[in-house]
Amino acid sequence: MASNFPLSAAAPRKRQLLGLPLVVLIALVLAGAGVVAYLELAPRNPAAEVPLTPEARAYVGNLKLADVGMKGTKNYFGQMVVEIAGNITNAGDRDLDTVELYCVFQDGYGQMALRQRVPIVSPKMGGLKPGETKSFRLPFDNMPESWNQKMPQLVIASVKFN
């Protein structure tokens, strides 16, 4: 009978070892779901949407949008992608680091269907020097069904100087 004792003691230990990975797997799945839920439901950074400073507001008149057009294409997944492209010129005397636009899409009743803030000049692009013109391209693949299919209103949202 003494020979059966080590076998019976090992059996419960084997069950615990087999159950441990399942508990770890469940914990990881729950933790992953929690992270995804937090990222989806957490409020966006409101500090990123700072209104124009008085200095930037005074400079906006020096920024010229030209040759702005819109077209729609289907992407690889069959989704409609709306693309707005154009040029921005810095007619002022200051180097710009960043320029962001609000693209305001409306529905058939003239109400806002979507408002999205997008950069058209960034440090990655090399900024925008006085007298310089750069092209921009803004793809949108999240258009609401209520959108009236017309060009959105483009409003300067942010100007950051070098």
C-alpha atoms as a PDB file:
ATOM      1  CA  MET A   1       0.000   0.000   0.000  1.00  0.00           C
ATOM      2  CA  ALA A   2       2.873   2.310   0.567  1.00  0.00           C
ATOM      3  CA  SER A   3       3.645   2.080  -3.127  1.00  0.00           C
ATOM      4  CA  ASN A   4       0.213   3.537  -3.999  1.00  0.00           C
ATOM      5  CA  PHE A   5       0.731   6.629  -1.828  1.00  0.00           C
ATOM      6  CA  PRO A   6       3.112   8.464  -4.185  1.00  0.00           C
ATOM      7  CA  LEU A   7       0.816   7.779  -7.145  1.00  0.00           C
ATOM      8  CA  SER A   8      -2.282   9.091  -5.402  1.00  0.00           C
ATOM      9  CA  ALA A   9      -0.412  12.191  -4.212  1.00  0.00           C
ATOM     10  CA  ALA A  10       0.823  12.894  -7.739  1.00  0.00           C
ATOM     11  CA  ALA A  11      -2.635  12.708  -9.283  1.00  0.00           C
ATOM     12  CA  PRO A  12      -4.041  15.865  -7.625  1.00  0.00           C
ATOM     13  CA  ARG A  13      -0.829  17.703  -8.413  1.00  0.00           C
ATOM     14  CA  LYS A  14      -1.216  16.752 -12.100  1.00  0.00           C
ATOM     15  CA  ARG A  15      -4.766  18.127 -12.148  1.00  0.00           C
ATOM     16  CA  GLN A  16      -3.575  21.448 -10.693  1.00  0.00           C
ATOM     17  CA  LEU A  17      -0.837  21.743 -13.327  1.00  0.00           C
ATOM     18  CA  LEU A  18      -3.291  21.068 -16.137  1.00  0.00           C
ATOM     19  CA  GLY A  19      -5.748  23.648 -14.762  1.00  0.00           C
ATOM     20  CA  LEU A  20      -3.153  26.380 -14.329  1.00  0.00           C
ATOM     21  CA  PRO A  21      -2.655  27.217 -18.046  1.00  0.00           C
ATOM     22  CA  LEU A  22      -6.418  27.431 -18.571  1.00  0.00           C
ATOM     23  CA  VAL A  23      -6.714  29.953 -15.728  1.00  0.00           C
ATOM     24  CA  VAL A  24      -3.808  31.955 -17.156  1.00  0.00           C
ATOM     25  CA  LEU A  25      -5.377  31.864 -20.628  1.00  0.00           C
ATOM     26  CA  ILE A  26      -8.731  33.078 -19.290  1.00  0.00           C
ATOM     27  CA  ALA A  27      -6.991  35.867 -17.344  1.00  0.00           C
ATOM     28  CA  LEU A  28      -5.099  36.980 -20.457  1.00  0.00           C
ATOM     29  CA  VAL A  29      -8.262  36.995 -22.571  1.00  0.00           C
ATOM     30  CA  LEU A  30     -10.107  39.047 -19.947  1.00  0.00           C
ATOM     31  CA  ALA A  31      -7.185  41.462 -19.615  1.00  0.00           C
ATOM     32  CA  GLY A  32      -7.024  41.867 -23.405  1.00  0.00           C
ATOM     33  CA  ALA A  33     -10.761  42.518 -23.594  1.00  0.00           C
ATOM     34  CA  GLY A  34     -10.403  45.091 -20.839  1.00  0.00           C
ATOM     35  CA  VAL A  35      -7.640  46.923 -22.722  1.00  0.00           C
ATOM     36  CA  VAL A  36      -9.664  46.959 -25.954  1.00  0.00           C
ATOM     37  CA  ALA A  37     -12.763  48.219 -24.118  1.00  0.00           C
ATOM     38  CA  TYR A  38     -10.743  50.970 -22.431  1.00  0.00           C
ATOM     39  CA  LEU A  39      -9.212  52.130 -25.718  1.00  0.00           C
ATOM     40  CA  GLU A  40     -12.588  52.154 -27.479  1.00  0.00           C
ATOM     41  CA  LEU A  41     -14.610  53.751 -24.685  1.00  0.00           C
ATOM     42  CA  ALA A  42     -12.068  56.131 -23.156  1.00  0.00           C
ATOM     43  CA  PRO A  43     -12.658  59.787 -24.037  1.00  0.00           C
ATOM     44  CA  ARG A  44     -10.355  61.195 -26.674  1.00  0.00           C
ATOM     45  CA  ASN A  45      -7.695  63.666 -25.601  1.00  0.00           C
ATOM     46  CA  PRO A  46      -9.575  66.980 -25.368  1.00  0.00           C
ATOM     47  CA  ALA A  47      -6.279  68.843 -24.886  1.00  0.00           C
ATOM     48  CA  ALA A  48      -5.455  68.047 -28.531  1.00  0.00           C
ATOM     49  CA  GLU A  49      -8.366  70.209 -29.668  1.00  0.00           C
ATOM     50  CA  VAL A  50      -7.126  73.521 -28.318  1.00  0.00           C
ATOM     51  CA  PRO A  51      -8.811  76.471 -30.072  1.00  0.00           C
ATOM     52  CA  LEU A  52      -6.764  78.799 -32.243  1.00  0.00           C
ATOM     53  CA  THR A  53      -4.565  81.156 -30.267  1.00  0.00           C
ATOM     54  CA  PRO A  54      -5.008  84.888 -30.972  1.00  0.00           C
ATOM     55  CA  GLU A  55      -1.642  84.848 -32.763  1.00  0.00           C
ATOM     56  CA  ALA A  56      -2.702  81.889 -34.946  1.00  0.00           C
ATOM     57  CA  ARG A  57      -6.132  83.434 -35.590  1.00  0.00           C
ATOM     58  CA  ALA A  58      -4.442  86.589 -36.894  1.00  0.00           C
ATOM     59  CA  TYR A  59      -2.197  84.521 -39.183  1.00  0.00           C
ATOM     60  CA  VAL A  60      -4.961  82.359 -40.737  1.00  0.00           C
ATOM     61  CA  GLY A  61      -5.560  84.974 -43.449  1.00  0.00           C
ATOM     62  CA  ASN A  62      -2.077  84.165 -44.791  1.00  0.00           C
ATOM     63  CA  LEU A  63      -2.970  80.534 -45.458  1.00  0.00           C
ATOM     64  CA  LYS A  64      -4.435  79.917 -48.898  1.00  0.00           C
ATOM     65  CA  LEU A  65      -6.181  76.691 -49.858  1.00  0.00           C
ATOM     66  CA  ALA A  66      -6.331  76.104 -53.627  1.00  0.00           C
ATOM     67  CA  ASP A  67      -7.208  73.407 -56.153  1.00  0.00           C
ATOM     68  CA  VAL A  68      -9.252  71.553 -53.534  1.00  0.00           C
ATOM     69  CA  GLY A  69     -11.231  68.661 -54.934  1.00  0.00           C
ATOM     70  CA  MET A  70     -12.992  65.543 -53.790  1.00  0.00           C
ATOM     71  CA  LYS A  71     -13.281  62.073 -55.266  1.00  0.00           C
ATOM     72  CA  GLY A  72     -14.563  58.714 -54.118  1.00  0.00           C
ATOM     73  CA  THR A  73     -12.976  55.343 -54.762  1.00  0.00           C
ATOM     74  CA  LYS A  74     -13.440  51.830 -53.441  1.00  0.00           C
ATOM     75  CA  ASN A  75     -10.610  50.319 -51.449  1.00  0.00           C
ATOM     76  CA  TYR A  76      -9.395  46.720 -51.490  1.00  0.00           C
ATOM     77  CA  PHE A  77     -12.173  45.673 -49.099  1.00  0.00           C
ATOM     78  CA  GLY A  78     -14.918  47.260 -51.205  1.00  0.00           C
ATOM     79  CA  GLN A  79     -15.418  50.196 -48.807  1.00  0.00           C
ATOM     80  CA  MET A  80     -15.973  53.694 -50.183  1.00  0.00           C
ATOM     81  CA  VAL A  81     -13.020  55.985 -49.502  1.00  0.00           C
ATOM     82  CA  VAL A  82     -13.596  59.713 -49.934  1.00  0.00           C
ATOM     83  CA  GLU A  83     -10.434  61.634 -50.695  1.00  0.00           C
ATOM     84  CA  ILE A  84      -9.996  65.390 -50.459  1.00  0.00           C
ATOM     85  CA  ALA A  85      -6.862  66.758 -52.091  1.00  0.00           C
ATOM     86  CA  GLY A  86      -5.540  70.237 -52.636  1.00  0.00           C
ATOM     87  CA  ASN A  87      -2.744  72.695 -51.991  1.00  0.00           C
ATOM     88  CA  ILE A  88      -1.937  75.024 -49.122  1.00  0.00           C
ATOM     89  CA  THR A  89       0.240  78.110 -49.533  1.00  0.00           C
ATOM     90  CA  ASN A  90       1.858  80.084 -46.740  1.00  0.00           C
ATOM     91  CA  ALA A  91       1.518  83.692 -47.972  1.00  0.00           C
ATOM     92  CA  GLY A  92       2.787  85.052 -44.647  1.00  0.00           C
ATOM     93  CA  ASP A  93       6.252  85.676 -43.264  1.00  0.00           C
ATOM     94  CA  ARG A  94       6.510  82.930 -40.607  1.00  0.00           C
ATOM     95  CA  ASP A  95       7.667  79.319 -40.715  1.00  0.00           C
ATOM     96  CA  LEU A  96       4.878  76.906 -39.819  1.00  0.00           C
ATOM     97  CA  ASP A  97       5.369  73.621 -38.025  1.00  0.00           C
ATOM     98  CA  THR A  98       1.773  72.314 -38.130  1.00  0.00           C
ATOM     99  CA  VAL A  99      -1.532  73.240 -39.762  1.00  0.00           C
ATOM    100  CA  GLU A 100      -4.685  71.237 -39.012  1.00  0.00           C
ATOM    101  CA  LEU A 101      -8.126  71.454 -40.599  1.00  0.00           C
ATOM    102  CA  TYR A 102     -11.595  70.567 -39.456  1.00  0.00           C
ATOM    103  CA  CYS A 103     -13.414  68.785 -42.279  1.00  0.00           C
ATOM    104  CA  VAL A 104     -17.113  69.243 -41.582  1.00  0.00           C
ATOM    105  CA  PHE A 105     -19.363  66.929 -43.587  1.00  0.00           C
ATOM    106  CA  GLN A 106     -23.101  67.667 -43.610  1.00  0.00           C
ATOM    107  CA  ASP A 107     -26.237  65.607 -44.066  1.00  0.00           C
ATOM    108  CA  GLY A 108     -29.164  66.322 -46.407  1.00  0.00           C
ATOM    109  CA  TYR A 109     -30.634  68.806 -43.891  1.00  0.00           C
ATOM    110  CA  GLY A 110     -27.445  70.854 -43.575  1.00  0.00           C
ATOM    111  CA  GLN A 111     -26.662  69.395 -40.136  1.00  0.00           C
ATOM    112  CA  MET A 112     -23.195  68.148 -39.229  1.00  0.00           C
ATOM    113  CA  ALA A 113     -22.864  64.443 -40.091  1.00  0.00           C
ATOM    114  CA  LEU A 114     -19.128  64.163 -39.352  1.00  0.00           C
ATOM    115  CA  ARG A 115     -16.419  66.524 -38.128  1.00  0.00           C
ATOM    116  CA  GLN A 116     -12.865  65.319 -38.284  1.00  0.00           C
ATOM    117  CA  ARG A 117      -9.655  67.152 -37.415  1.00  0.00           C
ATOM    118  CA  VAL A 118      -6.782  66.305 -39.760  1.00  0.00           C
ATOM    119  CA  PRO A 119      -3.241  67.615 -40.275  1.00  0.00           C
ATOM    120  CA  ILE A 120      -2.356  69.026 -43.689  1.00  0.00           C
ATOM    121  CA  VAL A 121       1.100  70.320 -42.660  1.00  0.00           C
ATOM    122  CA  SER A 122       3.245  68.539 -40.088  1.00  0.00           C
ATOM    123  CA  PRO A 123       6.844  68.425 -38.898  1.00  0.00           C
ATOM    124  CA  LYS A 124       7.136  65.036 -40.654  1.00  0.00           C
ATOM    125  CA  MET A 125       6.390  66.837 -43.962  1.00  0.00           C
ATOM    126  CA  GLY A 126       8.995  69.481 -43.183  1.00  0.00           C
ATOM    127  CA  GLY A 127       6.589  72.234 -42.134  1.00  0.00           C
ATOM    128  CA  LEU A 128       5.658  75.113 -44.428  1.00  0.00           C
ATOM    129  CA  LYS A 129       7.988  78.040 -45.062  1.00  0.00           C
ATOM    130  CA  PRO A 130       6.897  81.535 -46.166  1.00  0.00           C
ATOM    131  CA  GLY A 131       5.906  81.558 -49.841  1.00  0.00           C
ATOM    132  CA  GLU A 132       5.901  77.756 -50.013  1.00  0.00           C
ATOM    133  CA  THR A 133       3.036  75.632 -51.392  1.00  0.00           C
ATOM    134  CA  LYS A 134       2.495  71.994 -50.461  1.00  0.00           C
ATOM    135  CA  SER A 135      -0.101  69.496 -51.560  1.00  0.00           C
ATOM    136  CA  PHE A 136      -2.251  67.503 -49.157  1.00  0.00           C
ATOM    137  CA  ARG A 137      -4.396  64.401 -49.448  1.00  0.00           C
ATOM    138  CA  LEU A 138      -7.012  63.453 -46.850  1.00  0.00           C
ATOM    139  CA  PRO A 139      -8.623  60.006 -47.099  1.00  0.00           C
ATOM    140  CA  PHE A 140     -11.851  59.279 -45.175  1.00  0.00           C
ATOM    141  CA  ASP A 141     -13.187  55.742 -44.954  1.00  0.00           C
ATOM    142  CA  ASN A 142     -15.684  56.274 -42.137  1.00  0.00           C
ATOM    143  CA  MET A 143     -18.343  58.328 -43.874  1.00  0.00           C
ATOM    144  CA  PRO A 144     -21.812  58.159 -42.315  1.00  0.00           C
ATOM    145  CA  GLU A 145     -24.711  57.090 -44.517  1.00  0.00           C
ATOM    146  CA  SER A 146     -26.440  60.420 -43.810  1.00  0.00           C
ATOM    147  CA  TRP A 147     -23.656  62.405 -45.546  1.00  0.00           C
ATOM    148  CA  ASN A 148     -25.038  64.522 -48.424  1.00  0.00           C
ATOM    149  CA  GLN A 149     -22.164  63.545 -50.798  1.00  0.00           C
ATOM    150  CA  LYS A 150     -20.984  67.183 -51.089  1.00  0.00           C
ATOM    151  CA  MET A 151     -17.617  68.799 -50.410  1.00  0.00           C
ATOM    152  CA  PRO A 152     -17.160  69.392 -46.675  1.00  0.00           C
ATOM    153  CA  GLN A 153     -16.532  72.766 -45.135  1.00  0.00           C
ATOM    154  CA  LEU A 154     -12.780  73.141 -44.467  1.00  0.00           C
ATOM    155  CA  VAL A 155     -11.906  75.250 -41.423  1.00  0.00           C
ATOM    156  CA  ILE A 156      -8.413  75.938 -40.068  1.00  0.00           C
ATOM    157  CA  ALA A 157      -8.355  74.290 -36.629  1.00  0.00           C
ATOM    158  CA  SER A 158      -4.758  74.791 -35.544  1.00  0.00           C
ATOM    159  CA  VAL A 159      -1.608  76.650 -36.558  1.00  0.00           C
ATOM    160  CA  LYS A 160       1.696  76.029 -34.794  1.00  0.00           C
ATOM    161  CA  PHE A 161       4.690  78.192 -35.582  1.00  0.00           C
ATOM    162  CA  ASN A 162       8.315  77.063 -35.790  1.00  0.00           C
END
